[in-house]
């Protein structure tokens, strides 16, 4: 069965976007140092889930669709434009159903929760994030969008690995504890 992974970058103080919901601070680091690890991670992805805000960000960036050939569930109550080369499935409720469908579509590969902490938090609250892969960037933002703004019970995680980068960033890999 596939795993659900939340692969994301955050500031030292736990924000994935600044107070204006932007990630310019992250883009300023460049991706050269992270490319090899990202490519390895992405090769194992079989399905994607994201919120409408992440989809809007991707469309603002322009260029070709970043995930051709992969089914993408977008959680939203609004309209989503059609995108050439994209297999987008719009869902407005029932995160448990989305999880089942995405896991089935991913097969033996993973489901990647892309972007927003609010989307990932919905999965965390029902126990459907198996692994957190968080790259902590060496800066503080002071405010913004939280990594996992959950409202329910605390969740426990086991550290399974770390990687350091020359620019001061650290990747932390956690697996959800089975008692959660």
N, C-alpha and C. Protein backbone atom coordinates (compact mmCIF):
# COMPACT_ATOMS: atom_id res chain seq x y z
N UNK A 1 0.84 -1.18 0.00
CA UNK A 1 0.00 0.00 0.00
C UNK A 1 0.89 1.25 0.00
N UNK A 2 0.43 2.27 -0.64
CA UNK A 2 1.21 3.51 -0.74
C UNK A 2 1.23 4.26 0.59
N UNK A 3 2.21 5.16 0.72
CA UNK A 3 2.29 6.02 1.89
C UNK A 3 1.89 7.43 1.50
N UNK A 4 1.35 8.17 2.47
CA UNK A 4 1.02 9.57 2.27
C UNK A 4 2.15 10.38 2.91
N UNK A 5 2.79 11.21 2.09
CA UNK A 5 3.94 11.99 2.54
C UNK A 5 3.66 13.49 2.39
N UNK A 6 4.00 14.22 3.45
CA UNK A 6 3.94 15.68 3.40
C UNK A 6 5.38 16.14 3.28
N UNK A 7 5.77 16.51 2.07
CA UNK A 7 7.13 16.93 1.73
C UNK A 7 7.08 18.43 1.52
N UNK A 8 7.79 19.19 2.38
CA UNK A 8 7.60 20.63 2.41
C UNK A 8 8.83 21.29 3.02
N UNK A 9 8.97 22.59 2.79
CA UNK A 9 10.01 23.39 3.43
C UNK A 9 9.36 24.38 4.37
N UNK A 10 10.08 24.71 5.46
CA UNK A 10 9.57 25.68 6.43
C UNK A 10 10.71 26.55 6.92
N UNK A 11 10.33 27.67 7.52
CA UNK A 11 11.31 28.53 8.18
C UNK A 11 11.66 27.92 9.54
N UNK A 12 12.71 28.42 10.16
CA UNK A 12 13.09 27.94 11.50
C UNK A 12 11.96 28.06 12.50
N UNK A 13 11.12 29.07 12.34
CA UNK A 13 10.03 29.27 13.28
C UNK A 13 8.71 28.63 12.83
N UNK A 14 8.77 27.71 11.89
CA UNK A 14 7.62 26.86 11.59
C UNK A 14 6.62 27.34 10.56
N UNK A 15 7.02 28.29 9.69
CA UNK A 15 6.10 28.80 8.68
C UNK A 15 6.48 28.30 7.29
N UNK A 16 5.45 27.95 6.50
CA UNK A 16 5.70 27.48 5.13
C UNK A 16 5.44 28.58 4.11
N UNK A 17 4.82 29.65 4.53
CA UNK A 17 4.59 30.84 3.70
C UNK A 17 4.62 32.04 4.62
N UNK A 18 4.92 33.22 4.05
CA UNK A 18 4.99 34.42 4.89
C UNK A 18 3.58 34.97 5.17
N UNK A 19 3.51 36.11 5.83
CA UNK A 19 2.22 36.69 6.22
C UNK A 19 1.35 37.06 5.02
N UNK A 20 1.97 37.24 3.84
CA UNK A 20 1.22 37.53 2.61
C UNK A 20 0.94 36.27 1.81
N UNK A 21 1.18 35.10 2.42
CA UNK A 21 0.97 33.80 1.80
C UNK A 21 1.88 33.60 0.59
N UNK A 22 3.09 34.13 0.66
CA UNK A 22 4.08 34.04 -0.42
C UNK A 22 5.25 33.16 0.03
N UNK A 23 5.98 32.62 -0.94
CA UNK A 23 7.16 31.83 -0.63
C UNK A 23 8.41 32.39 -1.32
N UNK A 24 8.41 33.68 -1.58
CA UNK A 24 9.59 34.31 -2.19
C UNK A 24 10.84 34.06 -1.36
N UNK A 25 10.71 34.06 -0.04
CA UNK A 25 11.83 33.80 0.86
C UNK A 25 12.45 32.44 0.59
N UNK A 26 11.61 31.45 0.27
CA UNK A 26 12.09 30.10 -0.02
C UNK A 26 12.75 30.05 -1.40
N UNK A 27 12.10 30.67 -2.38
CA UNK A 27 12.63 30.65 -3.74
C UNK A 27 13.99 31.33 -3.82
N UNK A 28 14.26 32.27 -2.91
CA UNK A 28 15.55 32.97 -2.90
C UNK A 28 16.72 32.04 -2.60
N UNK A 29 16.46 30.87 -2.00
CA UNK A 29 17.52 29.92 -1.71
C UNK A 29 17.97 29.17 -2.95
N UNK A 30 17.16 29.17 -4.01
CA UNK A 30 17.49 28.37 -5.19
C UNK A 30 17.26 26.89 -4.90
N UNK A 31 17.33 26.09 -5.92
CA UNK A 31 17.05 24.67 -5.74
C UNK A 31 18.21 23.76 -6.09
N UNK A 32 19.32 24.31 -6.49
CA UNK A 32 20.45 23.48 -6.89
C UNK A 32 20.84 22.50 -5.79
N UNK A 33 20.93 22.97 -4.55
CA UNK A 33 21.35 22.12 -3.44
C UNK A 33 20.36 21.01 -3.15
N UNK A 34 19.10 21.20 -3.52
CA UNK A 34 18.03 20.27 -3.17
C UNK A 34 17.59 19.39 -4.34
N UNK A 35 18.06 19.68 -5.55
CA UNK A 35 17.54 19.04 -6.75
C UNK A 35 17.66 17.52 -6.74
N UNK A 36 18.82 17.01 -6.36
CA UNK A 36 19.03 15.56 -6.37
C UNK A 36 18.06 14.85 -5.43
N UNK A 37 17.90 15.38 -4.22
CA UNK A 37 16.97 14.79 -3.26
C UNK A 37 15.53 14.90 -3.72
N UNK A 38 15.18 16.05 -4.30
CA UNK A 38 13.82 16.23 -4.83
C UNK A 38 13.55 15.23 -5.95
N UNK A 39 14.51 15.09 -6.87
CA UNK A 39 14.32 14.16 -7.99
C UNK A 39 14.11 12.73 -7.49
N UNK A 40 14.89 12.34 -6.49
CA UNK A 40 14.75 11.01 -5.90
C UNK A 40 13.37 10.85 -5.25
N UNK A 41 12.94 11.87 -4.49
CA UNK A 41 11.62 11.84 -3.87
C UNK A 41 10.53 11.76 -4.94
N UNK A 42 10.58 12.65 -5.92
CA UNK A 42 9.52 12.73 -6.92
C UNK A 42 9.41 11.46 -7.76
N UNK A 43 10.51 10.76 -7.97
CA UNK A 43 10.47 9.51 -8.73
C UNK A 43 9.57 8.47 -8.04
N UNK A 44 9.36 8.61 -6.75
CA UNK A 44 8.52 7.67 -6.02
C UNK A 44 7.08 8.12 -5.84
N UNK A 45 6.70 9.25 -6.43
CA UNK A 45 5.35 9.78 -6.28
C UNK A 45 4.42 9.22 -7.35
N UNK A 46 3.25 8.73 -6.90
CA UNK A 46 2.28 8.18 -7.83
C UNK A 46 0.97 8.95 -7.89
N UNK A 47 0.75 9.85 -6.93
CA UNK A 47 -0.48 10.66 -6.90
C UNK A 47 -0.19 11.89 -6.03
N UNK A 48 -0.97 12.95 -6.26
CA UNK A 48 -0.75 14.22 -5.58
C UNK A 48 -2.08 14.75 -5.05
N UNK A 49 -2.01 15.37 -3.87
CA UNK A 49 -3.16 16.08 -3.31
C UNK A 49 -2.69 17.47 -2.93
N UNK A 50 -3.48 18.48 -3.27
CA UNK A 50 -3.14 19.86 -2.93
C UNK A 50 -4.42 20.67 -2.72
N UNK A 51 -4.26 21.83 -2.13
CA UNK A 51 -5.37 22.76 -1.98
C UNK A 51 -5.41 23.72 -3.16
N UNK A 52 -6.46 24.49 -3.24
CA UNK A 52 -6.64 25.44 -4.35
C UNK A 52 -5.57 26.53 -4.34
N UNK A 53 -5.11 26.94 -3.17
CA UNK A 53 -4.08 27.97 -3.09
C UNK A 53 -2.78 27.52 -3.72
N UNK A 54 -2.41 26.28 -3.50
CA UNK A 54 -1.20 25.73 -4.12
C UNK A 54 -1.37 25.66 -5.62
N UNK A 55 -2.55 25.24 -6.07
CA UNK A 55 -2.80 25.19 -7.51
C UNK A 55 -2.69 26.59 -8.12
N UNK A 56 -3.28 27.59 -7.46
CA UNK A 56 -3.18 28.97 -7.96
C UNK A 56 -1.72 29.41 -8.06
N UNK A 57 -0.92 29.10 -7.05
CA UNK A 57 0.49 29.45 -7.07
C UNK A 57 1.18 28.81 -8.27
N UNK A 58 0.94 27.53 -8.51
CA UNK A 58 1.57 26.84 -9.63
C UNK A 58 1.16 27.47 -10.96
N UNK A 59 -0.09 27.87 -11.09
CA UNK A 59 -0.56 28.49 -12.33
C UNK A 59 0.05 29.88 -12.52
N UNK A 60 0.24 30.62 -11.42
CA UNK A 60 0.87 31.95 -11.51
C UNK A 60 2.32 31.86 -11.98
N UNK A 61 2.98 30.76 -11.64
CA UNK A 61 4.37 30.59 -12.02
C UNK A 61 4.52 30.37 -13.53
N UNK A 62 3.45 29.95 -14.18
CA UNK A 62 3.49 29.74 -15.62
C UNK A 62 4.26 28.48 -15.98
N UNK A 63 4.52 28.32 -17.26
CA UNK A 63 5.25 27.15 -17.72
C UNK A 63 4.34 25.95 -17.87
N UNK A 64 4.92 24.84 -18.29
CA UNK A 64 4.12 23.62 -18.47
C UNK A 64 3.68 23.06 -17.12
N UNK A 65 2.62 22.26 -17.16
CA UNK A 65 2.11 21.63 -15.96
C UNK A 65 3.22 20.78 -15.34
N UNK A 66 3.44 20.95 -14.04
CA UNK A 66 4.56 20.32 -13.34
C UNK A 66 4.38 18.82 -13.09
N UNK A 67 3.14 18.32 -13.19
CA UNK A 67 2.89 16.93 -12.80
C UNK A 67 2.17 16.13 -13.89
N UNK A 68 2.65 16.16 -15.13
CA UNK A 68 1.95 15.40 -16.18
C UNK A 68 1.99 13.90 -15.88
N UNK A 69 0.89 13.25 -16.19
CA UNK A 69 0.83 11.80 -15.99
C UNK A 69 0.47 11.38 -14.58
N UNK A 70 0.35 12.32 -13.66
CA UNK A 70 -0.02 11.97 -12.29
C UNK A 70 -1.43 12.49 -11.98
N UNK A 71 -2.25 11.68 -11.33
CA UNK A 71 -3.55 12.20 -10.90
C UNK A 71 -3.36 13.18 -9.74
N UNK A 72 -4.09 14.31 -9.80
CA UNK A 72 -3.96 15.35 -8.79
C UNK A 72 -5.35 15.67 -8.24
N UNK A 73 -5.53 15.49 -6.92
CA UNK A 73 -6.77 15.86 -6.26
C UNK A 73 -6.58 17.27 -5.73
N UNK A 74 -7.51 18.15 -6.04
CA UNK A 74 -7.49 19.53 -5.55
C UNK A 74 -8.67 19.72 -4.62
N UNK A 75 -8.35 20.05 -3.35
CA UNK A 75 -9.40 20.28 -2.36
C UNK A 75 -9.82 21.74 -2.44
N UNK A 76 -11.07 21.98 -2.82
CA UNK A 76 -11.57 23.34 -2.96
C UNK A 76 -13.08 23.35 -2.99
N UNK A 77 -13.65 24.50 -2.66
CA UNK A 77 -15.09 24.71 -2.81
C UNK A 77 -15.36 25.61 -4.01
N UNK A 78 -14.30 26.00 -4.71
CA UNK A 78 -14.44 26.90 -5.85
C UNK A 78 -14.19 26.21 -7.18
N UNK A 79 -14.08 27.01 -8.19
CA UNK A 79 -13.83 26.53 -9.55
C UNK A 79 -12.33 26.31 -9.74
N UNK A 80 -11.99 25.36 -10.58
CA UNK A 80 -10.60 25.09 -10.94
C UNK A 80 -10.52 25.10 -12.46
N UNK A 81 -9.59 25.86 -13.02
CA UNK A 81 -9.48 25.89 -14.48
C UNK A 81 -8.98 24.55 -15.02
N UNK A 82 -9.36 24.27 -16.25
CA UNK A 82 -8.79 23.08 -16.88
C UNK A 82 -7.36 23.43 -17.31
N UNK A 83 -6.49 22.47 -17.20
CA UNK A 83 -5.07 22.67 -17.49
C UNK A 83 -4.64 21.58 -18.45
N UNK A 84 -4.10 22.00 -19.56
CA UNK A 84 -3.66 21.04 -20.56
C UNK A 84 -2.60 20.11 -19.97
N UNK A 85 -2.82 18.80 -20.15
CA UNK A 85 -1.88 17.81 -19.67
C UNK A 85 -2.05 17.43 -18.21
N UNK A 86 -3.09 17.96 -17.56
CA UNK A 86 -3.29 17.70 -16.13
C UNK A 86 -4.50 16.80 -15.90
N UNK A 87 -4.33 15.83 -15.01
CA UNK A 87 -5.42 14.95 -14.58
C UNK A 87 -5.88 15.46 -13.21
N UNK A 88 -6.73 16.49 -13.21
CA UNK A 88 -7.15 17.14 -11.97
C UNK A 88 -8.54 16.65 -11.57
N UNK A 89 -8.65 16.28 -10.31
CA UNK A 89 -9.90 15.79 -9.74
C UNK A 89 -10.28 16.74 -8.59
N UNK A 90 -11.33 17.49 -8.78
CA UNK A 90 -11.76 18.50 -7.81
C UNK A 90 -12.65 17.85 -6.75
N UNK A 91 -12.31 18.10 -5.48
CA UNK A 91 -13.05 17.53 -4.37
C UNK A 91 -13.30 18.63 -3.35
N UNK A 92 -14.51 18.67 -2.81
CA UNK A 92 -14.81 19.71 -1.83
C UNK A 92 -15.00 19.17 -0.42
N UNK A 93 -14.99 17.86 -0.25
CA UNK A 93 -15.18 17.29 1.08
C UNK A 93 -14.62 15.88 1.15
N UNK A 94 -14.73 15.26 2.30
CA UNK A 94 -14.39 13.87 2.53
C UNK A 94 -12.93 13.54 2.23
N UNK A 95 -12.07 14.04 3.11
CA UNK A 95 -10.63 13.81 2.97
C UNK A 95 -10.31 12.31 3.07
N UNK A 96 -11.08 11.56 3.85
CA UNK A 96 -10.85 10.12 3.96
C UNK A 96 -11.04 9.44 2.61
N UNK A 97 -12.06 9.86 1.87
CA UNK A 97 -12.30 9.29 0.53
C UNK A 97 -11.16 9.66 -0.41
N UNK A 98 -10.72 10.91 -0.35
CA UNK A 98 -9.59 11.35 -1.18
C UNK A 98 -8.36 10.51 -0.89
N UNK A 99 -8.12 10.25 0.39
CA UNK A 99 -6.98 9.43 0.78
C UNK A 99 -7.08 8.04 0.15
N UNK A 100 -8.23 7.41 0.27
CA UNK A 100 -8.41 6.06 -0.29
C UNK A 100 -8.18 6.07 -1.80
N UNK A 101 -8.78 7.05 -2.49
CA UNK A 101 -8.65 7.12 -3.95
C UNK A 101 -7.21 7.40 -4.36
N UNK A 102 -6.55 8.33 -3.68
CA UNK A 102 -5.17 8.67 -4.04
C UNK A 102 -4.23 7.51 -3.76
N UNK A 103 -4.40 6.84 -2.63
CA UNK A 103 -3.56 5.67 -2.32
C UNK A 103 -3.74 4.60 -3.39
N UNK A 104 -4.98 4.35 -3.78
CA UNK A 104 -5.24 3.33 -4.81
C UNK A 104 -4.60 3.72 -6.14
N UNK A 105 -4.72 4.99 -6.50
CA UNK A 105 -4.14 5.46 -7.76
C UNK A 105 -2.61 5.42 -7.74
N UNK A 106 -2.02 5.66 -6.57
CA UNK A 106 -0.56 5.67 -6.45
C UNK A 106 0.04 4.27 -6.52
N UNK A 107 -0.75 3.25 -6.20
CA UNK A 107 -0.25 1.89 -6.23
C UNK A 107 0.86 1.70 -5.20
N UNK A 108 2.03 1.26 -5.67
CA UNK A 108 3.15 1.04 -4.74
C UNK A 108 4.03 2.29 -4.58
N UNK A 109 3.59 3.38 -5.15
CA UNK A 109 4.30 4.65 -5.00
C UNK A 109 3.60 5.50 -3.93
N UNK A 110 4.12 6.68 -3.64
CA UNK A 110 3.57 7.50 -2.56
C UNK A 110 2.55 8.52 -3.06
N UNK A 111 1.78 9.03 -2.11
CA UNK A 111 0.88 10.15 -2.33
C UNK A 111 1.57 11.37 -1.71
N UNK A 112 1.76 12.41 -2.50
CA UNK A 112 2.43 13.62 -2.02
C UNK A 112 1.41 14.69 -1.71
N UNK A 113 1.39 15.13 -0.45
CA UNK A 113 0.59 16.30 -0.06
C UNK A 113 1.45 17.51 -0.38
N UNK A 114 1.06 18.26 -1.40
CA UNK A 114 1.86 19.38 -1.89
C UNK A 114 1.37 20.68 -1.27
N UNK A 115 2.31 21.46 -0.75
CA UNK A 115 1.99 22.83 -0.37
C UNK A 115 1.31 22.99 0.96
N UNK A 116 0.15 23.57 0.96
CA UNK A 116 -0.51 24.14 2.12
C UNK A 116 -0.63 23.32 3.38
N UNK A 117 -0.30 23.98 4.50
CA UNK A 117 -0.42 23.35 5.80
C UNK A 117 -1.85 23.04 6.17
N UNK A 118 -2.79 23.88 5.76
CA UNK A 118 -4.20 23.63 6.08
C UNK A 118 -4.69 22.35 5.42
N UNK A 119 -4.26 22.10 4.21
CA UNK A 119 -4.62 20.85 3.52
C UNK A 119 -3.99 19.67 4.24
N UNK A 120 -2.69 19.76 4.52
CA UNK A 120 -2.00 18.67 5.21
C UNK A 120 -2.60 18.42 6.59
N UNK A 121 -3.01 19.48 7.27
CA UNK A 121 -3.59 19.33 8.61
C UNK A 121 -4.87 18.49 8.57
N UNK A 122 -5.66 18.60 7.51
CA UNK A 122 -6.87 17.79 7.39
C UNK A 122 -6.53 16.31 7.37
N UNK A 123 -5.43 15.97 6.69
CA UNK A 123 -4.99 14.57 6.62
C UNK A 123 -4.40 14.13 7.96
N UNK A 124 -3.63 15.00 8.61
CA UNK A 124 -3.03 14.67 9.90
C UNK A 124 -4.11 14.40 10.94
N UNK A 125 -5.16 15.19 10.93
CA UNK A 125 -6.21 15.06 11.94
C UNK A 125 -6.98 13.75 11.84
N UNK A 126 -6.97 13.11 10.68
CA UNK A 126 -7.62 11.80 10.57
C UNK A 126 -6.58 10.67 10.51
N UNK A 127 -5.33 11.00 10.84
CA UNK A 127 -4.28 9.98 10.90
C UNK A 127 -3.82 9.48 9.56
N UNK A 128 -3.90 10.31 8.53
CA UNK A 128 -3.57 9.87 7.18
C UNK A 128 -2.30 10.50 6.60
N UNK A 129 -1.39 10.96 7.46
CA UNK A 129 -0.05 11.29 6.99
C UNK A 129 0.88 10.24 7.59
N UNK A 130 1.55 9.50 6.73
CA UNK A 130 2.45 8.46 7.19
C UNK A 130 3.85 9.00 7.44
N UNK A 131 4.25 9.99 6.64
CA UNK A 131 5.61 10.50 6.73
C UNK A 131 5.65 12.01 6.51
N UNK A 132 6.42 12.69 7.36
CA UNK A 132 6.72 14.12 7.18
C UNK A 132 8.16 14.22 6.70
N UNK A 133 8.37 14.97 5.63
CA UNK A 133 9.71 15.27 5.15
C UNK A 133 9.78 16.79 5.10
N UNK A 134 10.44 17.36 6.09
CA UNK A 134 10.44 18.80 6.28
C UNK A 134 11.86 19.34 6.15
N UNK A 135 12.07 20.24 5.20
CA UNK A 135 13.35 20.91 5.09
C UNK A 135 13.24 22.24 5.82
N UNK A 136 14.05 22.39 6.86
CA UNK A 136 14.03 23.59 7.69
C UNK A 136 15.07 24.56 7.12
N UNK A 137 14.59 25.72 6.70
CA UNK A 137 15.45 26.72 6.07
C UNK A 137 16.00 27.67 7.14
N UNK A 138 17.23 28.14 6.98
CA UNK A 138 17.88 28.94 8.02
C UNK A 138 17.47 30.41 8.01
N UNK A 139 16.20 30.67 8.30
CA UNK A 139 15.72 32.02 8.48
C UNK A 139 14.43 31.97 9.28
N UNK A 140 14.05 33.10 9.85
CA UNK A 140 12.79 33.19 10.59
C UNK A 140 11.89 34.19 9.87
N UNK A 141 10.60 33.93 9.91
CA UNK A 141 9.63 34.80 9.26
C UNK A 141 8.79 35.59 10.27
N UNK A 142 8.59 35.06 11.45
CA UNK A 142 7.83 35.78 12.47
C UNK A 142 6.33 35.54 12.41
N UNK A 143 5.80 35.33 11.22
CA UNK A 143 4.37 35.05 11.06
C UNK A 143 4.16 34.45 9.68
N UNK A 144 2.95 33.93 9.48
CA UNK A 144 2.63 33.35 8.18
C UNK A 144 1.78 32.11 8.33
N UNK A 145 1.87 31.25 7.33
CA UNK A 145 1.10 30.00 7.29
C UNK A 145 1.91 28.91 7.99
N UNK A 146 1.30 28.28 8.95
CA UNK A 146 1.96 27.24 9.75
C UNK A 146 2.16 25.95 8.97
N UNK A 147 3.14 25.18 9.40
CA UNK A 147 3.45 23.88 8.80
C UNK A 147 2.25 22.94 8.88
N UNK A 148 1.71 22.74 10.06
CA UNK A 148 0.59 21.82 10.28
C UNK A 148 -0.34 22.42 11.34
N UNK A 149 -1.25 23.27 10.93
CA UNK A 149 -2.14 23.91 11.91
C UNK A 149 -3.30 23.01 12.33
N UNK A 150 -2.96 21.92 13.02
CA UNK A 150 -3.99 20.98 13.46
C UNK A 150 -4.70 21.52 14.69
N UNK A 151 -5.91 21.07 14.90
CA UNK A 151 -6.70 21.52 16.05
C UNK A 151 -7.06 20.37 16.97
N UNK A 152 -6.81 19.16 16.57
CA UNK A 152 -7.20 18.00 17.37
C UNK A 152 -6.11 17.58 18.34
N UNK A 153 -6.06 16.31 18.61
CA UNK A 153 -5.10 15.72 19.52
C UNK A 153 -3.67 15.84 18.97
N UNK A 154 -2.68 15.89 19.86
CA UNK A 154 -1.29 15.89 19.41
C UNK A 154 -0.96 14.59 18.66
N UNK A 155 -0.03 14.67 17.74
CA UNK A 155 0.43 13.51 16.98
C UNK A 155 1.90 13.31 17.28
N UNK A 156 2.30 12.06 17.46
CA UNK A 156 3.69 11.74 17.75
C UNK A 156 4.37 11.18 16.51
N UNK A 157 5.65 11.54 16.35
CA UNK A 157 6.42 11.16 15.17
C UNK A 157 7.78 10.62 15.60
N UNK A 158 8.30 9.67 14.86
CA UNK A 158 9.63 9.14 15.09
C UNK A 158 10.56 9.67 14.01
N UNK A 159 11.69 10.20 14.42
CA UNK A 159 12.69 10.69 13.48
C UNK A 159 13.34 9.48 12.80
N UNK A 160 13.33 9.47 11.46
CA UNK A 160 13.91 8.35 10.72
C UNK A 160 15.14 8.74 9.92
N UNK A 161 15.43 10.04 9.80
CA UNK A 161 16.62 10.43 9.07
C UNK A 161 16.77 11.94 8.99
N UNK A 162 17.99 12.36 8.71
CA UNK A 162 18.30 13.77 8.51
C UNK A 162 19.28 13.92 7.36
N UNK A 163 19.25 15.07 6.72
CA UNK A 163 20.23 15.44 5.70
C UNK A 163 20.53 16.91 5.91
N UNK A 164 21.79 17.28 5.74
CA UNK A 164 22.15 18.69 5.86
C UNK A 164 22.60 19.19 4.49
N UNK A 165 22.45 20.49 4.29
CA UNK A 165 22.83 21.12 3.04
C UNK A 165 23.82 22.24 3.33
N UNK A 166 24.66 22.54 2.37
CA UNK A 166 25.69 23.55 2.53
C UNK A 166 25.17 24.94 2.81
N UNK A 167 23.92 25.21 2.47
CA UNK A 167 23.34 26.54 2.70
C UNK A 167 22.73 26.68 4.09
N UNK A 168 22.91 25.68 4.94
CA UNK A 168 22.39 25.74 6.30
C UNK A 168 21.04 25.08 6.50
N UNK A 169 20.42 24.60 5.45
CA UNK A 169 19.13 23.93 5.57
C UNK A 169 19.34 22.50 6.08
N UNK A 170 18.32 21.97 6.75
CA UNK A 170 18.35 20.61 7.28
C UNK A 170 17.04 19.93 6.92
N UNK A 171 17.13 18.75 6.32
CA UNK A 171 15.93 17.96 6.04
C UNK A 171 15.73 16.97 7.17
N UNK A 172 14.51 16.95 7.71
CA UNK A 172 14.13 16.04 8.78
C UNK A 172 13.05 15.09 8.24
N UNK A 173 13.23 13.81 8.46
CA UNK A 173 12.26 12.81 8.01
C UNK A 173 11.65 12.14 9.25
N UNK A 174 10.33 12.17 9.31
CA UNK A 174 9.61 11.57 10.44
C UNK A 174 8.58 10.58 9.92
N UNK A 175 8.35 9.53 10.70
CA UNK A 175 7.30 8.56 10.44
C UNK A 175 6.30 8.67 11.58
N UNK A 176 5.02 8.63 11.24
CA UNK A 176 3.97 8.69 12.27
C UNK A 176 4.06 7.45 13.16
N UNK A 177 4.00 7.68 14.46
CA UNK A 177 4.03 6.56 15.40
C UNK A 177 2.76 5.74 15.25
N UNK A 178 2.90 4.45 15.34
CA UNK A 178 1.76 3.55 15.11
C UNK A 178 0.66 3.69 16.15
N UNK A 179 0.97 4.19 17.35
CA UNK A 179 -0.10 4.31 18.37
C UNK A 179 -1.01 5.49 18.09
N UNK A 180 -0.68 6.38 17.16
CA UNK A 180 -1.55 7.53 16.84
C UNK A 180 -2.72 7.10 16.01
